[in-house]
């Protein structure tokens, strides 16, 4: 489940991980995939390759699957928070110093945004 929080986030042409940090070019993300036997969580890893614009005024982030194929997918940079995505590495290794976007005030903040949802509750919310 994704959500648009306010107009300021849309104007920034960005998308955010589950901790409220902006996803930027070069970031490696851990993405929830499924819950297997005995409740084991399975994840995939993706890399943000940069943004592209397709016909509209919105930017789209290009995500690579970290394999040798040329396949990739896009996510619209419309201010959404992606609750199944978490930044685990960045090019400059300073992603944890990026100020998280505060869900309550709609601005950058030093405090961590409270948006951590377990994948099992996310599946229940989308059905």
C-alpha atoms as a PDB file:
ATOM      1  CA  UNK A   1       0.000   0.000   0.000  1.00  0.00           C
ATOM      2  CA  UNK A   2       1.352   3.425  -0.916  1.00  0.00           C
ATOM      3  CA  UNK A   3       0.037   6.805   0.015  1.00  0.00           C
ATOM      4  CA  UNK A   4       0.369  10.451  -0.989  1.00  0.00           C
ATOM      5  CA  UNK A   5       0.859  12.511   2.146  1.00  0.00           C
ATOM      6  CA  UNK A   6       0.613  16.115   0.965  1.00  0.00           C
ATOM      7  CA  UNK A   7       1.247  18.485  -1.942  1.00  0.00           C
ATOM      8  CA  UNK A   8       4.745  19.465  -0.737  1.00  0.00           C
ATOM      9  CA  UNK A   9       5.963  15.905  -1.258  1.00  0.00           C
ATOM     10  CA  UNK A  10       4.547  15.875  -4.803  1.00  0.00           C
ATOM     11  CA  UNK A  11       6.304  19.141  -5.626  1.00  0.00           C
ATOM     12  CA  UNK A  12       9.617  17.633  -4.508  1.00  0.00           C
ATOM     13  CA  UNK A  13       9.283  14.975  -7.263  1.00  0.00           C
ATOM     14  CA  UNK A  14      10.479  12.288  -4.910  1.00  0.00           C
ATOM     15  CA  UNK A  15       9.467   9.011  -3.344  1.00  0.00           C
ATOM     16  CA  UNK A  16      10.319   7.894   0.159  1.00  0.00           C
ATOM     17  CA  UNK A  17      11.169   4.622   1.890  1.00  0.00           C
ATOM     18  CA  UNK A  18       9.360   3.252   4.952  1.00  0.00           C
ATOM     19  CA  UNK A  19      11.516   5.407   7.253  1.00  0.00           C
ATOM     20  CA  UNK A  20      10.585   8.621   5.418  1.00  0.00           C
ATOM     21  CA  UNK A  21      13.983   9.004   3.732  1.00  0.00           C
ATOM     22  CA  UNK A  22      14.043  10.198   0.135  1.00  0.00           C
ATOM     23  CA  UNK A  23      15.050   7.491  -2.345  1.00  0.00           C
ATOM     24  CA  UNK A  24      17.878   8.849  -4.482  1.00  0.00           C
ATOM     25  CA  UNK A  25      19.950   7.671  -7.446  1.00  0.00           C
ATOM     26  CA  UNK A  26      22.338   4.881  -6.466  1.00  0.00           C
ATOM     27  CA  UNK A  27      20.435   3.724  -3.385  1.00  0.00           C
ATOM     28  CA  UNK A  28      20.175  -0.016  -2.814  1.00  0.00           C
ATOM     29  CA  UNK A  29      16.790  -0.956  -1.375  1.00  0.00           C
ATOM     30  CA  UNK A  30      15.528  -3.988   0.489  1.00  0.00           C
ATOM     31  CA  UNK A  31      12.015  -4.705  -0.789  1.00  0.00           C
ATOM     32  CA  UNK A  32       9.549  -7.037   0.934  1.00  0.00           C
ATOM     33  CA  UNK A  33       8.649  -9.914  -1.436  1.00  0.00           C
ATOM     34  CA  UNK A  34       6.555 -12.475   0.472  1.00  0.00           C
ATOM     35  CA  UNK A  35       6.121 -14.364   3.718  1.00  0.00           C
ATOM     36  CA  UNK A  36       7.056 -18.003   3.357  1.00  0.00           C
ATOM     37  CA  UNK A  37       6.697 -21.110   5.449  1.00  0.00           C
ATOM     38  CA  UNK A  38       6.761 -20.624   9.211  1.00  0.00           C
ATOM     39  CA  UNK A  39       6.476 -16.855   8.805  1.00  0.00           C
ATOM     40  CA  UNK A  40       9.911 -16.382   7.201  1.00  0.00           C
ATOM     41  CA  UNK A  41      10.074 -13.005   5.442  1.00  0.00           C
ATOM     42  CA  UNK A  42      11.647 -12.948   1.979  1.00  0.00           C
ATOM     43  CA  UNK A  43      13.122  -9.810   0.440  1.00  0.00           C
ATOM     44  CA  UNK A  44      14.453  -8.674  -2.929  1.00  0.00           C
ATOM     45  CA  UNK A  45      17.138  -6.053  -3.464  1.00  0.00           C
ATOM     46  CA  UNK A  46      16.803  -3.272  -6.041  1.00  0.00           C
ATOM     47  CA  UNK A  47      18.894  -0.252  -7.034  1.00  0.00           C
ATOM     48  CA  UNK A  48      17.557   3.205  -7.875  1.00  0.00           C
ATOM     49  CA  UNK A  49      19.162   4.114 -11.200  1.00  0.00           C
ATOM     50  CA  UNK A  50      17.868   7.669 -11.588  1.00  0.00           C
ATOM     51  CA  UNK A  51      14.747   9.414 -12.864  1.00  0.00           C
ATOM     52  CA  UNK A  52      13.057   9.643 -16.258  1.00  0.00           C
ATOM     53  CA  UNK A  53      10.170  11.694 -17.540  1.00  0.00           C
ATOM     54  CA  UNK A  54       7.480  10.059 -19.673  1.00  0.00           C
ATOM     55  CA  UNK A  55       5.132  12.442 -21.448  1.00  0.00           C
ATOM     56  CA  UNK A  56       3.668  14.016 -18.321  1.00  0.00           C
ATOM     57  CA  UNK A  57       5.261  16.460 -15.933  1.00  0.00           C
ATOM     58  CA  UNK A  58       5.923  13.722 -13.372  1.00  0.00           C
ATOM     59  CA  UNK A  59       9.295  12.080 -12.925  1.00  0.00           C
ATOM     60  CA  UNK A  60       9.630   8.299 -12.608  1.00  0.00           C
ATOM     61  CA  UNK A  61      12.367   6.546 -10.624  1.00  0.00           C
ATOM     62  CA  UNK A  62      14.000   3.683 -12.529  1.00  0.00           C
ATOM     63  CA  UNK A  63      14.708   0.580 -10.402  1.00  0.00           C
ATOM     64  CA  UNK A  64      17.139  -2.134 -11.500  1.00  0.00           C
ATOM     65  CA  UNK A  65      16.742  -5.767 -10.400  1.00  0.00           C
ATOM     66  CA  UNK A  66      20.507  -6.204  -9.659  1.00  0.00           C
ATOM     67  CA  UNK A  67      20.978  -8.888 -12.266  1.00  0.00           C
ATOM     68  CA  UNK A  68      22.609  -8.880 -15.678  1.00  0.00           C
ATOM     69  CA  UNK A  69      19.347  -8.337 -17.571  1.00  0.00           C
ATOM     70  CA  UNK A  70      18.402  -4.969 -18.998  1.00  0.00           C
ATOM     71  CA  UNK A  71      14.992  -5.256 -17.329  1.00  0.00           C
ATOM     72  CA  UNK A  72      13.864  -2.568 -14.912  1.00  0.00           C
ATOM     73  CA  UNK A  73      10.676  -1.009 -13.595  1.00  0.00           C
ATOM     74  CA  UNK A  74       9.454   2.480 -12.732  1.00  0.00           C
ATOM     75  CA  UNK A  75       7.786   4.129  -9.742  1.00  0.00           C
ATOM     76  CA  UNK A  76       6.159   7.530 -10.097  1.00  0.00           C
ATOM     77  CA  UNK A  77       7.876  10.237  -8.016  1.00  0.00           C
ATOM     78  CA  UNK A  78       4.650  11.693  -6.690  1.00  0.00           C
ATOM     79  CA  UNK A  79       5.503  12.069  -3.018  1.00  0.00           C
ATOM     80  CA  UNK A  80       4.438   8.577  -1.968  1.00  0.00           C
ATOM     81  CA  UNK A  81       5.924   6.661   0.891  1.00  0.00           C
ATOM     82  CA  UNK A  82       6.715   3.070  -0.118  1.00  0.00           C
ATOM     83  CA  UNK A  83       6.195   1.020   3.066  1.00  0.00           C
ATOM     84  CA  UNK A  84       7.747  -2.166   1.641  1.00  0.00           C
ATOM     85  CA  UNK A  85      10.989  -0.393   0.616  1.00  0.00           C
ATOM     86  CA  UNK A  86      13.938   0.352   2.912  1.00  0.00           C
ATOM     87  CA  UNK A  87      17.220   1.989   1.915  1.00  0.00           C
ATOM     88  CA  UNK A  88      20.086  -0.267   3.024  1.00  0.00           C
ATOM     89  CA  UNK A  89      23.005   1.338   1.171  1.00  0.00           C
ATOM     90  CA  UNK A  90      23.784   4.448  -0.839  1.00  0.00           C
ATOM     91  CA  UNK A  91      26.681   5.639  -2.988  1.00  0.00           C
ATOM     92  CA  UNK A  92      27.963   8.061  -0.343  1.00  0.00           C
ATOM     93  CA  UNK A  93      27.082   5.739   2.593  1.00  0.00           C
ATOM     94  CA  UNK A  94      25.270   8.634   4.272  1.00  0.00           C
ATOM     95  CA  UNK A  95      21.640   7.643   3.677  1.00  0.00           C
ATOM     96  CA  UNK A  96      21.099   7.312   7.426  1.00  0.00           C
ATOM     97  CA  UNK A  97      22.040  11.005   7.799  1.00  0.00           C
ATOM     98  CA  UNK A  98      19.292  12.149   5.395  1.00  0.00           C
ATOM     99  CA  UNK A  99      16.557  13.890   7.331  1.00  0.00           C
ATOM    100  CA  UNK A 100      13.402  11.804   7.230  1.00  0.00           C
ATOM    101  CA  UNK A 101      10.253  13.416   5.940  1.00  0.00           C
ATOM    102  CA  UNK A 102       7.978  13.980   8.941  1.00  0.00           C
ATOM    103  CA  UNK A 103       4.535  12.578   8.186  1.00  0.00           C
ATOM    104  CA  UNK A 104       2.802  14.733  10.820  1.00  0.00           C
ATOM    105  CA  UNK A 105       4.221  18.149   9.905  1.00  0.00           C
ATOM    106  CA  UNK A 106       4.874  17.621   6.184  1.00  0.00           C
ATOM    107  CA  UNK A 107       8.474  18.799   6.422  1.00  0.00           C
ATOM    108  CA  UNK A 108      11.955  17.437   6.880  1.00  0.00           C
ATOM    109  CA  UNK A 109      12.764  16.634  10.461  1.00  0.00           C
ATOM    110  CA  UNK A 110      15.577  15.163  12.506  1.00  0.00           C
ATOM    111  CA  UNK A 111      13.144  12.749  14.151  1.00  0.00           C
ATOM    112  CA  UNK A 112      12.426   9.423  12.499  1.00  0.00           C
ATOM    113  CA  UNK A 113       9.053   9.227  10.777  1.00  0.00           C
ATOM    114  CA  UNK A 114       6.878   6.564  12.349  1.00  0.00           C
ATOM    115  CA  UNK A 115       5.871   4.518   9.329  1.00  0.00           C
ATOM    116  CA  UNK A 116       7.274   1.090  10.069  1.00  0.00           C
ATOM    117  CA  UNK A 117       4.649  -1.468   9.172  1.00  0.00           C
ATOM    118  CA  UNK A 118       5.163  -5.181   9.186  1.00  0.00           C
ATOM    119  CA  UNK A 119       4.603  -6.749   5.772  1.00  0.00           C
ATOM    120  CA  UNK A 120       1.837  -8.966   7.196  1.00  0.00           C
ATOM    121  CA  UNK A 121      -0.233  -5.929   8.217  1.00  0.00           C
ATOM    122  CA  UNK A 122       0.391  -4.304   4.840  1.00  0.00           C
ATOM    123  CA  UNK A 123      -1.067  -7.303   3.035  1.00  0.00           C
ATOM    124  CA  UNK A 124      -4.155  -7.180   5.236  1.00  0.00           C
ATOM    125  CA  UNK A 125      -4.634  -3.452   4.570  1.00  0.00           C
ATOM    126  CA  UNK A 126      -4.499  -3.815   0.773  1.00  0.00           C
ATOM    127  CA  UNK A 127      -7.061  -6.624   0.571  1.00  0.00           C
END
